C-alpha atoms as a PDB file:
ATOM      1  CA  MET A   1      -5.673  59.367  94.106  1.00  0.00           C
ATOM      2  CA  THR A   2      -8.089  62.280  94.079  1.00  0.00           C
ATOM      3  CA  GLU A   3      -8.774  64.762  96.779  1.00  0.00           C
ATOM      4  CA  ALA A   4     -12.217  66.106  97.422  1.00  0.00           C
ATOM      5  CA  THR A   5     -12.310  69.871  97.402  1.00  0.00           C
ATOM      6  CA  PRO A   6     -14.956  71.546  99.507  1.00  0.00           C
ATOM      7  CA  ASP A   7     -17.488  73.699  97.707  1.00  0.00           C
ATOM      8  CA  THR A   8     -16.641  77.207  98.805  1.00  0.00           C
ATOM      9  CA  ALA A   9     -17.860  80.490  97.494  1.00  0.00           C
ATOM     10  CA  PRO A  10     -15.230  82.763  95.993  1.00  0.00           C
ATOM     11  CA  VAL A  11     -13.868  85.336  98.381  1.00  0.00           C
ATOM     12  CA  SER A  12     -15.114  88.793  97.480  1.00  0.00           C
ATOM     13  CA  ALA A  13     -14.349  92.244  98.753  1.00  0.00           C
ATOM     14  CA  PRO A  14     -16.380  93.332 101.761  1.00  0.00           C
ATOM     15  CA  THR A  15     -19.519  95.186 100.824  1.00  0.00           C
ATOM     16  CA  ALA A  16     -19.913  98.754 101.960  1.00  0.00           C
ATOM     17  CA  GLY A  17     -22.766  99.853 104.170  1.00  0.00           C
ATOM     18  CA  ALA A  18     -25.927 101.381 102.791  1.00  0.00           C
ATOM     19  CA  ASP A  19     -24.783 104.892 103.702  1.00  0.00           C
ATOM     20  CA  THR A  20     -21.353 104.601 102.099  1.00  0.00           C
ATOM     21  CA  PRO A  21     -21.030 105.635  98.452  1.00  0.00           C
ATOM     22  CA  PRO A  22     -19.261 103.224  96.090  1.00  0.00           C
ATOM     23  CA  ASP A  23     -15.516 103.455  95.496  1.00  0.00           C
ATOM     24  CA  ARG A  24     -16.095 104.436  91.874  1.00  0.00           C
ATOM     25  CA  LEU A  25     -19.116 106.036  90.218  1.00  0.00           C
ATOM     26  CA  ALA A  26     -19.812 107.715  86.866  1.00  0.00           C
ATOM     27  CA  ILE A  27     -22.712 109.854  85.638  1.00  0.00           C
ATOM     28  CA  HIS A  28     -22.540 108.739  81.984  1.00  0.00           C
ATOM     29  CA  TYR A  29     -25.057 105.959  81.302  1.00  0.00           C
ATOM     30  CA  LYS A  30     -22.693 103.997  79.027  1.00  0.00           C
ATOM     31  CA  SER A  31     -20.051 103.619  81.742  1.00  0.00           C
ATOM     32  CA  PRO A  32     -19.805 100.281  83.576  1.00  0.00           C
ATOM     33  CA  PHE A  33     -19.665 102.320  86.815  1.00  0.00           C
ATOM     34  CA  TYR A  34     -23.021 104.068  86.208  1.00  0.00           C
ATOM     35  CA  ASN A  35     -25.724 103.441  88.839  1.00  0.00           C
ATOM     36  CA  GLU A  36     -28.953 105.420  88.477  1.00  0.00           C
ATOM     37  CA  GLU A  37     -30.287 104.492  91.930  1.00  0.00           C
ATOM     38  CA  LEU A  38     -27.201 105.838  93.699  1.00  0.00           C
ATOM     39  CA  LEU A  39     -27.117 108.983  91.583  1.00  0.00           C
ATOM     40  CA  ALA A  40     -30.774 109.661  92.448  1.00  0.00           C
ATOM     41  CA  ARG A  41     -29.773 109.850  96.122  1.00  0.00           C
ATOM     42  CA  GLY A  42     -27.286 112.596  95.304  1.00  0.00           C
ATOM     43  CA  ILE A  43     -23.532 112.254  95.740  1.00  0.00           C
ATOM     44  CA  GLY A  44     -21.364 114.962  97.252  1.00  0.00           C
ATOM     45  CA  ILE A  45     -17.681 115.070  96.258  1.00  0.00           C
ATOM     46  CA  ARG A  46     -14.851 116.849  98.053  1.00  0.00           C
ATOM     47  CA  PHE A  47     -11.658 116.974  95.987  1.00  0.00           C
ATOM     48  CA  LYS A  48      -8.508 118.411  97.566  1.00  0.00           C
ATOM     49  CA  GLY A  49     -10.612 119.931 100.333  1.00  0.00           C
ATOM     50  CA  VAL A  50     -13.026 121.743  97.967  1.00  0.00           C
ATOM     51  CA  VAL A  51     -16.608 120.609  97.331  1.00  0.00           C
ATOM     52  CA  ARG A  52     -16.986 120.029  93.587  1.00  0.00           C
ATOM     53  CA  THR A  53     -20.270 119.946  91.672  1.00  0.00           C
ATOM     54  CA  ASN A  54     -18.892 119.312  88.172  1.00  0.00           C
ATOM     55  CA  VAL A  55     -17.489 115.791  88.639  1.00  0.00           C
ATOM     56  CA  GLU A  56     -18.293 113.337  85.817  1.00  0.00           C
ATOM     57  CA  GLU A  57     -16.640 110.299  87.450  1.00  0.00           C
ATOM     58  CA  TYR A  58     -14.598 109.618  90.573  1.00  0.00           C
ATOM     59  CA  CYS A  59     -12.509 106.874  92.158  1.00  0.00           C
ATOM     60  CA  ILE A  60     -11.723 107.118  95.857  1.00  0.00           C
ATOM     61  CA  SER A  61      -9.164 104.285  96.086  1.00  0.00           C
ATOM     62  CA  GLU A  62      -7.109 105.532  93.126  1.00  0.00           C
ATOM     63  CA  GLY A  63      -7.494 109.203  94.166  1.00  0.00           C
ATOM     64  CA  TRP A  64      -8.836 110.913  91.048  1.00  0.00           C
ATOM     65  CA  VAL A  65     -11.844 112.710  89.609  1.00  0.00           C
ATOM     66  CA  ARG A  66     -12.809 113.299  85.994  1.00  0.00           C
ATOM     67  CA  VAL A  67     -14.246 116.739  85.183  1.00  0.00           C
ATOM     68  CA  GLN A  68     -15.414 118.420  81.991  1.00  0.00           C
ATOM     69  CA  ALA A  69     -12.694 120.341  80.132  1.00  0.00           C
ATOM     70  CA  GLY A  70     -14.420 123.623  79.380  1.00  0.00           C
ATOM     71  CA  LYS A  71     -17.106 123.522  76.710  1.00  0.00           C
ATOM     72  CA  ALA A  72     -15.199 121.236  74.343  1.00  0.00           C
ATOM     73  CA  MET A  73     -17.110 118.283  72.882  1.00  0.00           C
ATOM     74  CA  ASP A  74     -15.932 115.166  71.085  1.00  0.00           C
ATOM     75  CA  ARG A  75     -17.270 114.126  67.681  1.00  0.00           C
ATOM     76  CA  LYS A  76     -20.152 112.223  69.320  1.00  0.00           C
ATOM     77  CA  GLY A  77     -21.321 115.272  71.274  1.00  0.00           C
ATOM     78  CA  GLN A  78     -19.985 114.106  74.648  1.00  0.00           C
ATOM     79  CA  PRO A  79     -17.983 116.545  76.786  1.00  0.00           C
ATOM     80  CA  LEU A  80     -14.220 116.139  76.798  1.00  0.00           C
ATOM     81  CA  THR A  81     -12.969 115.362  80.278  1.00  0.00           C
ATOM     82  CA  ILE A  82      -9.680 115.572  82.138  1.00  0.00           C
ATOM     83  CA  LYS A  83      -8.523 113.437  85.040  1.00  0.00           C
ATOM     84  CA  LEU A  84      -7.315 115.275  88.140  1.00  0.00           C
ATOM     85  CA  SER A  85      -5.377 113.439  90.859  1.00  0.00           C
ATOM     86  CA  GLY A  86      -5.670 114.084  94.577  1.00  0.00           C
ATOM     87  CA  PRO A  87      -7.550 113.043  97.707  1.00  0.00           C
ATOM     88  CA  VAL A  88     -11.253 112.326  97.079  1.00  0.00           C
ATOM     89  CA  GLU A  89     -14.084 112.098  99.622  1.00  0.00           C
ATOM     90  CA  ALA A  90     -17.652 111.121  98.738  1.00  0.00           C
ATOM     91  CA  TRP A  91     -20.938 111.112 100.662  1.00  0.00           C
ATOM     92  CA  PHE A  92     -24.645 110.800  99.994  1.00  0.00           C
ATOM     93  CA  GLU A  93     -26.558 114.081  99.940  1.00  0.00           C
ATOM     94  CA  ASP A  94     -29.694 112.454 101.363  1.00  0.00           C
ATOM     95  CA  LEU A  95     -29.543 110.276 104.444  1.00  0.00           C
ATOM     96  CA  GLY A  96     -31.539 107.386 103.023  1.00  0.00           C
ATOM     97  CA  GLU A  97     -34.740 105.708 104.130  1.00  0.00           C
ATOM     98  CA  GLY A  98     -35.937 106.311 107.675  1.00  0.00           C
ATOM     99  CA  ALA A  99     -33.569 109.209 108.323  1.00  0.00           C
ATOM    100  CA  PRO A 100     -34.907 111.987 110.537  1.00  0.00           C
ATOM    101  CA  VAL A 101     -36.159 114.982 108.621  1.00  0.00           C
ATOM    102  CA  ALA A 102     -34.874 118.345 109.820  1.00  0.00           C
ATOM    103  CA  ALA A 103     -37.660 120.705 110.869  1.00  0.00           C
ATOM    104  CA  ALA A 104     -37.578 124.134 109.269  1.00  0.00           C
END
């Protein structure tokens, strides 16, 4: 006796809105979390209440950022990084398509 199973799509995580940055993003092009289109929009990062501009990679759900460790480089010429743990907030610097432009 066989049972027919309905064809259902696999359940996936809900997708974020267009104005919500991804949970994890990296600036190095070899990373699986690299996304040039999102980086072109500009990402702002607040880590432990301080706006940071030197973040190489972040993960909101796991609560960490990866920043460059001084001027040290590895043998391939890439900067050495350290992982810092704490609360992470991310936002897009631009407001996207069709957003009102502030008059100067």
